[in-house]
């Protein structure tokens, strides 16, 4: 996954750890015919600093900032809550807290499909 840095000290695009291609570069996912797996996914570790409509503003542990769209169907897991039942209510998204986000490629963009708040 490529995240455009919003850090004013750098104008370059930084690459986050990922096994997925950069859709903006014209790379495509390999064909799933004859393979065990049907799609690729990746994850993000860091914090959500802001929510703008269906767009998350993120900062990873190295200080690289970027944006990520929310999928139409998202699942939020909070392992700190009693019962730990998953939710799809966007009001459950907490800012500036350690988070793991599952990300899938969708056309020319990446979408957040699950947000997990791990136990400290």
Foldseek 3Di string as FASTA:
>chain_A
DKFQFPPPVDRDIDDDDFPDDQLVVVDDDDCCPPHPDHFGKDKAKFWFADDDPQKTWTAGPVGGIGIAGADPFAWEFEPVDVVRDIDRDPVPGDGPAIKMFIWGDDRNHIHTRYIYRDDD
